[in-house]
Amino acid sequence: MRPHISLDVRDVAKSTAFYEKVFGMKPQKQVADYAKFDLKNPALNLSLVSSTQGVSTVNHLGIEVDTVEEIIKWKTHLQHKGILQRVEEGVTCCFARQDKLWFNDPDGNAWEIFTVHEQLAVSGQLGQTGCCIPKATGAHEPATCGV
C-alpha cells in the first residue's frame, strides 16, 4: 500500500526536474503535460499534471522517517541538491517533539521531512500549540512552525 498524490503544476518539466532532485530518480513516465514517479522509498505514487487553471495547494506535504539517521541522510541529500530551506531540531509541533527539514516545490507547496521523538499531550487549538502553519507567501519561503 502507498499513497497517491496528483499535483496540478504550472510547468511539468520544471516540477519534474525539481522532484528528480528531491527523490534522486527520474519519473517512470513523462510527456509534455504529465509525469509520474513510482517511488518505493518513500512509498509514494506522485503524478504531476499540467494546469493552466491553477496549481494544487495544500497546507503542507510531508514524509515521516523513523530515525534521526534518516533525517541526516535527507539533510545531506537536500543540501547537496540545493533544495533545503530550513532545519528545525527538537521543535514542538503538532503535539509532538520533532526534527524537521523544510523545502518548497516550484509551485510553492511546502514539504517537510520529519521524525517524531515523542508525542505530547493534545490540548489547546491548532494555531496556539506550536503546530505548523505554512505561510501563504512565495514559492521559496518554507512553512513556519507556530508560536
Foldseek 3Di string as FASTA:
>chain_A
DAEEDEKADAFQVQLQVVVCLQQVHHFPDDDRFKTWRCDVVVGYIYMYGYDPVAIDEDQAAEAEDADVVVVVVSVVSCVVSVFWDDWDAQFCAPQFGKTWTWGFGQRQHIYIYMYTPGGHDDDDDRQVRQHWGADPDDRGGHTDTHD
